[in-house]
PDB file of N, CA and C in Angstrom:
ATOM      1  N   MET A   1      20.100  10.170  29.650  1.00  0.00           N
ATOM      2  CA  MET A   1      19.449  11.119  28.778  1.00  0.00           C
ATOM      3  C   MET A   1      19.734  12.556  29.222  1.00  0.00           C
ATOM      4  N   ALA A   2      19.795  12.788  30.508  1.00  0.00           N
ATOM      5  CA  ALA A   2      20.064  14.132  31.009  1.00  0.00           C
ATOM      6  C   ALA A   2      21.414  14.636  30.514  1.00  0.00           C
ATOM      7  N   ALA A   3      22.385  13.725  30.437  1.00  0.00           N
ATOM      8  CA  ALA A   3      23.710  14.122  29.944  1.00  0.00           C
ATOM      9  C   ALA A   3      23.633  14.520  28.475  1.00  0.00           C
ATOM     10  N   ASP A   4      22.814  13.817  27.687  1.00  0.00           N
ATOM     11  CA  ASP A   4      22.637  14.159  26.279  1.00  0.00           C
ATOM     12  C   ASP A   4      22.001  15.543  26.135  1.00  0.00           C
ATOM     13  N   VAL A   5      21.002  15.821  26.944  1.00  0.00           N
ATOM     14  CA  VAL A   5      20.324  17.123  26.892  1.00  0.00           C
ATOM     15  C   VAL A   5      21.308  18.228  27.267  1.00  0.00           C
ATOM     16  N   GLN A   6      22.073  18.002  28.303  1.00  0.00           N
ATOM     17  CA  GLN A   6      23.062  18.999  28.730  1.00  0.00           C
ATOM     18  C   GLN A   6      24.104  19.221  27.634  1.00  0.00           C
ATOM     19  N   HIS A   7      24.542  18.148  27.010  1.00  0.00           N
ATOM     20  CA  HIS A   7      25.529  18.254  25.927  1.00  0.00           C
ATOM     21  C   HIS A   7      24.926  19.028  24.743  1.00  0.00           C
ATOM     22  N   ALA A   8      23.666  18.738  24.416  1.00  0.00           N
ATOM     23  CA  ALA A   8      22.991  19.437  23.317  1.00  0.00           C
ATOM     24  C   ALA A   8      22.904  20.934  23.618  1.00  0.00           C
ATOM     25  N   HIS A   9      22.551  21.278  24.851  1.00  0.00           N
ATOM     26  CA  HIS A   9      22.483  22.699  25.225  1.00  0.00           C
ATOM     27  C   HIS A   9      23.852  23.361  25.069  1.00  0.00           C
ATOM     28  N   HIS A  10      24.884  22.662  25.477  1.00  0.00           N
ATOM     29  CA  HIS A  10      26.241  23.202  25.368  1.00  0.00           C
ATOM     30  C   HIS A  10      26.600  23.457  23.897  1.00  0.00           C
ATOM     31  N   LEU A  11      26.266  22.515  23.033  1.00  0.00           N
ATOM     32  CA  LEU A  11      26.561  22.681  21.612  1.00  0.00           C
ATOM     33  C   LEU A  11      25.724  23.803  20.994  1.00  0.00           C
ATOM     34  N   LEU A  12      24.438  23.872  21.359  1.00  0.00           N
ATOM     35  CA  LEU A  12      23.575  24.924  20.817  1.00  0.00           C
ATOM     36  C   LEU A  12      24.074  26.307  21.208  1.00  0.00           C
ATOM     37  N   ASP A  13      24.593  26.430  22.424  1.00  0.00           N
ATOM     38  CA  ASP A  13      25.108  27.723  22.892  1.00  0.00           C
ATOM     39  C   ASP A  13      26.297  28.204  22.066  1.00  0.00           C
ATOM     40  N   GLN A  14      26.949  27.304  21.347  1.00  0.00           N
ATOM     41  CA  GLN A  14      28.126  27.665  20.555  1.00  0.00           C
ATOM     42  C   GLN A  14      27.780  28.064  19.125  1.00  0.00           C
ATOM     43  N   LEU A  15      26.528  27.862  18.706  1.00  0.00           N
ATOM     44  CA  LEU A  15      26.141  28.145  17.326  1.00  0.00           C
ATOM     45  C   LEU A  15      25.797  29.604  17.109  1.00  0.00           C
ATOM     46  N   GLY A  16      26.081  30.070  15.891  1.00  0.00           N
ATOM     47  CA  GLY A  16      25.669  31.406  15.485  1.00  0.00           C
ATOM     48  C   GLY A  16      24.208  31.383  15.063  1.00  0.00           C
ATOM     49  N   PRO A  17      23.635  32.558  14.728  1.00  0.00           N
ATOM     50  CA  PRO A  17      22.213  32.652  14.403  1.00  0.00           C
ATOM     51  C   PRO A  17      21.776  31.777  13.223  1.00  0.00           C
ATOM     52  N   GLY A  18      22.553  31.722  12.159  1.00  0.00           N
ATOM     53  CA  GLY A  18      22.173  30.931  10.986  1.00  0.00           C
ATOM     54  C   GLY A  18      22.125  29.436  11.280  1.00  0.00           C
ATOM     55  N   PRO A  19      23.238  28.866  11.762  1.00  0.00           N
ATOM     56  CA  PRO A  19      23.209  27.441  12.091  1.00  0.00           C
ATOM     57  C   PRO A  19      22.191  27.093  13.179  1.00  0.00           C
ATOM     58  N   LEU A  20      22.001  27.993  14.149  1.00  0.00           N
ATOM     59  CA  LEU A  20      21.025  27.740  15.202  1.00  0.00           C
ATOM     60  C   LEU A  20      19.613  27.650  14.617  1.00  0.00           C
ATOM     61  N   ALA A  21      19.285  28.546  13.696  1.00  0.00           N
ATOM     62  CA  ALA A  21      17.969  28.509  13.058  1.00  0.00           C
ATOM     63  C   ALA A  21      17.783  27.206  12.289  1.00  0.00           C
ATOM     64  N   ALA A  22      18.840  26.736  11.634  1.00  0.00           N
ATOM     65  CA  ALA A  22      18.758  25.477  10.888  1.00  0.00           C
ATOM     66  C   ALA A  22      18.519  24.304  11.829  1.00  0.00           C
ATOM     67  N   VAL A  23      19.200  24.295  12.964  1.00  0.00           N
ATOM     68  CA  VAL A  23      19.022  23.210  13.938  1.00  0.00           C
ATOM     69  C   VAL A  23      17.612  23.251  14.523  1.00  0.00           C
ATOM     70  N   VAL A  24      17.118  24.439  14.816  1.00  0.00           N
ATOM     71  CA  VAL A  24      15.754  24.575  15.348  1.00  0.00           C
ATOM     72  C   VAL A  24      14.754  24.031  14.336  1.00  0.00           C
ATOM     73  N   HIS A  25      14.924  24.369  13.070  1.00  0.00           N
ATOM     74  CA  HIS A  25      14.024  23.869  12.021  1.00  0.00           C
ATOM     75  C   HIS A  25      14.089  22.344  11.949  1.00  0.00           C
ATOM     76  N   LEU A  26      15.279  21.793  12.020  1.00  0.00           N
ATOM     77  CA  LEU A  26      15.444  20.341  11.992  1.00  0.00           C
ATOM     78  C   LEU A  26      14.732  19.698  13.183  1.00  0.00           C
ATOM     79  N   LEU A  27      14.910  20.261  14.361  1.00  0.00           N
ATOM     80  CA  LEU A  27      14.253  19.714  15.551  1.00  0.00           C
ATOM     81  C   LEU A  27      12.728  19.802  15.443  1.00  0.00           C
ATOM     82  N   GLU A  28      12.220  20.911  14.914  1.00  0.00           N
ATOM     83  CA  GLU A  28      10.774  21.044  14.717  1.00  0.00           C
ATOM     84  C   GLU A  28      10.257  19.969  13.768  1.00  0.00           C
ATOM     85  N   THR A  29      11.020  19.694  12.721  1.00  0.00           N
ATOM     86  CA  THR A  29      10.627  18.661  11.755  1.00  0.00           C
ATOM     87  C   THR A  29      10.614  17.287  12.411  1.00  0.00           C
ATOM     88  N   ILE A  30      11.633  16.988  13.180  1.00  0.00           N
ATOM     89  CA  ILE A  30      11.705  15.692  13.854  1.00  0.00           C
ATOM     90  C   ILE A  30      10.538  15.525  14.824  1.00  0.00           C
ATOM     91  N   VAL A  31      10.253  16.548  15.621  1.00  0.00           N
ATOM     92  CA  VAL A  31       9.142  16.479  16.574  1.00  0.00           C
ATOM     93  C   VAL A  31       7.826  16.324  15.834  1.00  0.00           C
ATOM     94  N   SER A  32       7.655  17.047  14.741  1.00  0.00           N
ATOM     95  CA  SER A  32       6.432  16.951  13.949  1.00  0.00           C
ATOM     96  C   SER A  32       6.249  15.542  13.403  1.00  0.00           C
ATOM     97  N   LEU A  33       7.327  14.925  12.929  1.00  0.00           N
ATOM     98  CA  LEU A  33       7.251  13.563  12.399  1.00  0.00           C
ATOM     99  C   LEU A  33       6.891  12.570  13.493  1.00  0.00           C
ATOM    100  N   GLU A  34       7.427  12.769  14.683  1.00  0.00           N
ATOM    101  CA  GLU A  34       7.100  11.874  15.795  1.00  0.00           C
ATOM    102  C   GLU A  34       5.637  12.015  16.184  1.00  0.00           C
ATOM    103  N   ASP A  35       5.124  13.241  16.197  1.00  0.00           N
ATOM    104  CA  ASP A  35       3.714  13.469  16.513  1.00  0.00           C
ATOM    105  C   ASP A  35       2.830  12.812  15.470  1.00  0.00           C
ATOM    106  N   ARG A  36       3.241  12.892  14.210  1.00  0.00           N
ATOM    107  CA  ARG A  36       2.454  12.353  13.121  1.00  0.00           C
ATOM    108  C   ARG A  36       2.427  10.824  13.164  1.00  0.00           C
ATOM    109  N   ASP A  37       3.462  10.221  13.724  1.00  0.00           N
ATOM    110  CA  ASP A  37       3.538   8.765  13.780  1.00  0.00           C
ATOM    111  C   ASP A  37       2.552   8.166  14.774  1.00  0.00           C
ATOM    112  N   ALA A  38       2.059   8.968  15.713  1.00  0.00           N
ATOM    113  CA  ALA A  38       1.095   8.471  16.687  1.00  0.00           C
ATOM    114  C   ALA A  38      -0.282   8.377  16.026  1.00  0.00           C
ATOM    115  N   LEU A  39      -0.867   7.190  16.053  1.00  0.00           N
ATOM    116  CA  LEU A  39      -2.166   6.987  15.417  1.00  0.00           C
ATOM    117  C   LEU A  39      -3.302   7.251  16.396  1.00  0.00           C
ATOM    118  N   SER A  40      -4.355   7.847  15.884  1.00  0.00           N
ATOM    119  CA  SER A  40      -5.565   8.009  16.675  1.00  0.00           C
ATOM    120  C   SER A  40      -6.307   6.679  16.716  1.00  0.00           C
ATOM    121  N   ASP A  41      -7.318   6.579  17.572  1.00  0.00           N
ATOM    122  CA  ASP A  41      -8.124   5.352  17.630  1.00  0.00           C
ATOM    123  C   ASP A  41      -8.790   5.076  16.285  1.00  0.00           C
ATOM    124  N   ALA A  42      -9.281   6.134  15.632  1.00  0.00           N
ATOM    125  CA  ALA A  42      -9.943   5.961  14.330  1.00  0.00           C
ATOM    126  C   ALA A  42      -8.954   5.463  13.288  1.00  0.00           C
ATOM    127  N   GLU A  43      -7.713   5.964  13.322  1.00  0.00           N
ATOM    128  CA  GLU A  43      -6.695   5.511  12.372  1.00  0.00           C
ATOM    129  C   GLU A  43      -6.313   4.056  12.633  1.00  0.00           C
ATOM    130  N   ARG A  44      -6.178   3.685  13.918  1.00  0.00           N
ATOM    131  CA  ARG A  44      -5.874   2.293  14.250  1.00  0.00           C
ATOM    132  C   ARG A  44      -6.972   1.368  13.749  1.00  0.00           C
ATOM    133  N   LYS A  45      -8.225   1.796  13.917  1.00  0.00           N
ATOM    134  CA  LYS A  45      -9.364   0.998  13.467  1.00  0.00           C
ATOM    135  C   LYS A  45      -9.320   0.834  11.942  1.00  0.00           C
ATOM    136  N   ALA A  46      -9.027   1.930  11.225  1.00  0.00           N
ATOM    137  CA  ALA A  46      -8.966   1.878   9.766  1.00  0.00           C
ATOM    138  C   ALA A  46      -7.860   0.930   9.299  1.00  0.00           C
ATOM    139  N   VAL A  47      -6.706   0.969   9.950  1.00  0.00           N
ATOM    140  CA  VAL A  47      -5.599   0.080   9.593  1.00  0.00           C
ATOM    141  C   VAL A  47      -5.995  -1.368   9.853  1.00  0.00           C
ATOM    142  N   SER A  48      -6.642  -1.613  10.976  1.00  0.00           N
ATOM    143  CA  SER A  48      -7.085  -2.958  11.311  1.00  0.00           C
ATOM    144  C   SER A  48      -8.086  -3.480  10.274  1.00  0.00           C
ATOM    145  N   GLU A  49      -9.026  -2.617   9.870  1.00  0.00           N
ATOM    146  CA  GLU A  49     -10.011  -3.010   8.859  1.00  0.00           C
ATOM    147  C   GLU A  49      -9.344  -3.288   7.517  1.00  0.00           C
ATOM    148  N   ALA A  50      -8.350  -2.476   7.160  1.00  0.00           N
ATOM    149  CA  ALA A  50      -7.634  -2.693   5.901  1.00  0.00           C
ATOM    150  C   ALA A  50      -6.860  -4.005   5.950  1.00  0.00           C
ATOM    151  N   ASP A  51      -6.223  -4.287   7.086  1.00  0.00           N
ATOM    152  CA  ASP A  51      -5.506  -5.554   7.233  1.00  0.00           C
ATOM    153  C   ASP A  51      -6.451  -6.739   7.085  1.00  0.00           C
ATOM    154  N   GLU A  52      -7.625  -6.632   7.692  1.00  0.00           N
ATOM    155  CA  GLU A  52      -8.611  -7.702   7.600  1.00  0.00           C
ATOM    156  C   GLU A  52      -9.086  -7.872   6.155  1.00  0.00           C
ATOM    157  N   TRP A  53      -9.317  -6.757   5.462  1.00  0.00           N
ATOM    158  CA  TRP A  53      -9.749  -6.796   4.065  1.00  0.00           C
ATOM    159  C   TRP A  53      -8.711  -7.502   3.201  1.00  0.00           C
ATOM    160  N   LEU A  54      -7.433  -7.195   3.463  1.00  0.00           N
ATOM    161  CA  LEU A  54      -6.355  -7.776   2.662  1.00  0.00           C
ATOM    162  C   LEU A  54      -6.187  -9.279   2.891  1.00  0.00           C
ATOM    163  N   LYS A  55      -6.707  -9.785   4.004  1.00  0.00           N
ATOM    164  CA  LYS A  55      -6.648 -11.229   4.238  1.00  0.00           C
ATOM    165  C   LYS A  55      -7.537 -11.985   3.259  1.00  0.00           C
ATOM    166  N   HIS A  56      -8.549 -11.306   2.704  1.00  0.00           N
ATOM    167  CA  HIS A  56      -9.537 -11.970   1.848  1.00  0.00           C
ATOM    168  C   HIS A  56      -9.577 -11.408   0.426  1.00  0.00           C
ATOM    169  N   ASN A  57      -8.806 -10.369   0.155  1.00  0.00           N
ATOM    170  CA  ASN A  57      -8.851  -9.704  -1.152  1.00  0.00           C
ATOM    171  C   ASN A  57      -7.437  -9.389  -1.627  1.00  0.00           C
ATOM    172  N   GLN A  58      -7.306  -9.281  -2.938  1.00  0.00           N
ATOM    173  CA  GLN A  58      -6.027  -8.878  -3.529  1.00  0.00           C
ATOM    174  C   GLN A  58      -5.921  -7.357  -3.486  1.00  0.00           C
ATOM    175  N   PRO A  59      -4.736  -6.824  -3.216  1.00  0.00           N
ATOM    176  CA  PRO A  59      -4.565  -5.373  -3.270  1.00  0.00           C
ATOM    177  C   PRO A  59      -4.832  -4.855  -4.681  1.00  0.00           C
ATOM    178  N   ILE A  60      -5.292  -3.629  -4.763  1.00  0.00           N
ATOM    179  CA  ILE A  60      -5.570  -3.016  -6.060  1.00  0.00           C
ATOM    180  C   ILE A  60      -4.337  -2.194  -6.448  1.00  0.00           C
ATOM    181  N   PRO A  61      -3.727  -2.488  -7.589  1.00  0.00           N
ATOM    182  CA  PRO A  61      -2.529  -1.749  -8.002  1.00  0.00           C
ATOM    183  C   PRO A  61      -2.823  -0.253  -8.173  1.00  0.00           C
ATOM    184  N   HIS A  62      -1.847   0.548  -7.785  1.00  0.00           N
ATOM    185  CA  HIS A  62      -1.960   2.000  -7.880  1.00  0.00           C
ATOM    186  C   HIS A  62      -2.317   2.425  -9.307  1.00  0.00           C
ATOM    187  N   GLU A  63      -1.666   1.804 -10.283  1.00  0.00           N
ATOM    188  CA  GLU A  63      -1.916   2.144 -11.690  1.00  0.00           C
ATOM    189  C   GLU A  63      -3.389   1.936 -12.059  1.00  0.00           C
ATOM    190  N   GLU A  64      -3.989   0.892 -11.505  1.00  0.00           N
ATOM    191  CA  GLU A  64      -5.394   0.599 -11.808  1.00  0.00           C
ATOM    192  C   GLU A  64      -6.323   1.673 -11.228  1.00  0.00           C
ATOM    193  N   VAL A  65      -6.031   2.104 -10.017  1.00  0.00           N
ATOM    194  CA  VAL A  65      -6.837   3.162  -9.396  1.00  0.00           C
ATOM    195  C   VAL A  65      -6.699   4.458 -10.194  1.00  0.00           C
ATOM    196  N   LEU A  66      -5.465   4.804 -10.571  1.00  0.00           N
ATOM    197  CA  LEU A  66      -5.241   6.021 -11.357  1.00  0.00           C
ATOM    198  C   LEU A  66      -5.976   5.951 -12.691  1.00  0.00           C
ATOM    199  N   ALA A  67      -5.958   4.774 -13.335  1.00  0.00           N
ATOM    200  CA  ALA A  67      -6.612   4.612 -14.638  1.00  0.00           C
ATOM    201  C   ALA A  67      -8.111   4.895 -14.543  1.00  0.00           C
ATOM    202  N   GLU A  68      -8.725   4.569 -13.410  1.00  0.00           N
ATOM    203  CA  GLU A  68     -10.147   4.856 -13.222  1.00  0.00           C
ATOM    204  C   GLU A  68     -10.434   6.355 -13.277  1.00  0.00           C
ATOM    205  N   PHE A  69      -9.415   7.164 -12.990  1.00  0.00           N
ATOM    206  CA  PHE A  69      -9.541   8.620 -13.049  1.00  0.00           C
ATOM    207  C   PHE A  69      -8.924   9.192 -14.323  1.00  0.00           C
ATOM    208  N   GLY A  70      -8.540   8.315 -15.242  1.00  0.00           N
ATOM    209  CA  GLY A  70      -7.947   8.757 -16.491  1.00  0.00           C
ATOM    210  C   GLY A  70      -6.522   9.256 -16.338  1.00  0.00           C
ATOM    211  N   LEU A  71      -5.813   8.767 -15.319  1.00  0.00           N
ATOM    212  CA  LEU A  71      -4.450   9.216 -15.047  1.00  0.00           C
ATOM    213  C   LEU A  71      -3.464   8.074 -15.221  1.00  0.00           C
ATOM    214  N   THR A  72      -2.206   8.446 -15.438  1.00  0.00           N
ATOM    215  CA  THR A  72      -1.119   7.471 -15.524  1.00  0.00           C
ATOM    216  C   THR A  72      -0.148   7.728 -14.375  1.00  0.00           C
ATOM    217  N   MET A  73       0.815   6.828 -14.213  1.00  0.00           N
ATOM    218  CA  MET A  73       1.843   7.046 -13.195  1.00  0.00           C
ATOM    219  C   MET A  73       2.652   8.304 -13.510  1.00  0.00           C
ATOM    220  N   ALA A  74       2.855   8.592 -14.789  1.00  0.00           N
ATOM    221  CA  ALA A  74       3.568   9.818 -15.170  1.00  0.00           C
ATOM    222  C   ALA A  74       2.784  11.049 -14.707  1.00  0.00           C
ATOM    223  N   ASP A  75       1.455  10.997 -14.869  1.00  0.00           N
ATOM    224  CA  ASP A  75       0.618  12.106 -14.381  1.00  0.00           C
ATOM    225  C   ASP A  75       0.769  12.256 -12.875  1.00  0.00           C
ATOM    226  N   TRP A  76       0.760  11.124 -12.173  1.00  0.00           N
ATOM    227  CA  TRP A  76       0.861  11.129 -10.712  1.00  0.00           C
ATOM    228  C   TRP A  76       2.198  11.736 -10.274  1.00  0.00           C
ATOM    229  N   ASP A  77       3.277  11.315 -10.922  1.00  0.00           N
ATOM    230  CA  ASP A  77       4.596  11.849 -10.591  1.00  0.00           C
ATOM    231  C   ASP A  77       4.655  13.350 -10.849  1.00  0.00           C
ATOM    232  N   LYS A  78       4.078  13.783 -11.976  1.00  0.00           N
ATOM    233  CA  LYS A  78       4.077  15.203 -12.321  1.00  0.00           C
ATOM    234  C   LYS A  78       3.296  16.006 -11.281  1.00  0.00           C
ATOM    235  N   MET A  79       2.156  15.469 -10.841  1.00  0.00           N
ATOM    236  CA  MET A  79       1.334  16.167  -9.849  1.00  0.00           C
ATOM    237  C   MET A  79       2.084  16.327  -8.526  1.00  0.00           C
ATOM    238  N   GLY A  80       2.957  15.389  -8.225  1.00  0.00           N
ATOM    239  CA  GLY A  80       3.721  15.463  -6.987  1.00  0.00           C
ATOM    240  C   GLY A  80       4.755  16.566  -6.989  1.00  0.00           C
ATOM    241  N   HIS A  81       5.096  17.068  -8.163  1.00  0.00           N
ATOM    242  CA  HIS A  81       6.116  18.118  -8.272  1.00  0.00           C
ATOM    243  C   HIS A  81       5.531  19.488  -8.571  1.00  0.00           C
ATOM    244  N   GLU A  82       4.219  19.553  -8.804  1.00  0.00           N
ATOM    245  CA  GLU A  82       3.575  20.824  -9.116  1.00  0.00           C
ATOM    246  C   GLU A  82       2.914  21.389  -7.875  1.00  0.00           C
ATOM    247  N   PRO A  83       2.925  22.722  -7.722  1.00  0.00           N
ATOM    248  CA  PRO A  83       2.226  23.329  -6.574  1.00  0.00           C
ATOM    249  C   PRO A  83       0.714  23.149  -6.735  1.00  0.00           C
ATOM    250  N   SER A  84       0.051  23.116  -5.611  1.00  0.00           N
ATOM    251  CA  SER A  84      -1.406  22.977  -5.620  1.00  0.00           C
ATOM    252  C   SER A  84      -2.031  24.191  -6.282  1.00  0.00           C
ATOM    253  N   GLU A  85      -3.161  23.976  -6.976  1.00  0.00           N
ATOM    254  CA  GLU A  85      -3.856  25.087  -7.630  1.00  0.00           C
ATOM    255  C   GLU A  85      -4.857  25.752  -6.696  1.00  0.00           C
ATOM    256  N   GLU A  86      -4.978  25.246  -5.469  1.00  0.00           N
ATOM    257  CA  GLU A  86      -5.920  25.825  -4.533  1.00  0.00           C
ATOM    258  C   GLU A  86      -5.491  27.241  -4.166  1.00  0.00           C
ATOM    259  N   THR A  87      -6.463  28.124  -4.020  1.00  0.00           N
ATOM    260  CA  THR A  87      -6.201  29.491  -3.614  1.00  0.00           C
ATOM    261  C   THR A  87      -6.082  29.527  -2.092  1.00  0.00           C
ATOM    262  N   PRO A  88      -5.017  30.115  -1.568  1.00  0.00           N
ATOM    263  CA  PRO A  88      -4.892  30.177  -0.116  1.00  0.00           C
ATOM    264  C   PRO A  88      -6.020  31.009   0.492  1.00  0.00           C
ATOM    265  N   ARG A  89      -6.502  30.565   1.625  1.00  0.00           N
ATOM    266  CA  ARG A  89      -7.567  31.296   2.323  1.00  0.00           C
ATOM    267  C   ARG A  89      -6.944  32.112   3.431  1.00  0.00           C
ATOM    268  N   HIS A  90      -7.402  33.334   3.556  1.00  0.00           N
ATOM    269  CA  HIS A  90      -6.898  34.222   4.596  1.00  0.00           C
ATOM    270  C   HIS A  90      -8.036  34.593   5.518  1.00  0.00           C
ATOM    271  N   ASN A  91      -7.753  34.599   6.807  1.00  0.00           N
ATOM    272  CA  ASN A  91      -8.757  35.039   7.783  1.00  0.00           C
ATOM    273  C   ASN A  91      -8.852  36.562   7.744  1.00  0.00           C
ATOM    274  N   GLY A  92     -10.052  37.043   7.944  1.00  0.00           N
ATOM    275  CA  GLY A  92     -10.191  38.502   8.049  1.00  0.00           C
ATOM    276  C   GLY A  92     -10.944  39.030   6.980  1.00  0.00           C
TER     277      GLY A  92
END
């Protein structure tokens, strides 16, 4: 692993400002995803409870849950592409 780190440093030293910024952003994203993959105790418990529930119950289709809110899959897809309507909060 040390050789990989040394090689990465050597390659990073050869990059200009634009490509270096892109690589830094990529690395930040990868690290963030790895951090997010670690489950807390509460999350592990919730997953365990859901697994246990599914042993005795049928899963509820996404479309059925959306219908309870008067939504369709098309609405759901559209919402995924629209910016949130929440107003950003600023400190101060």
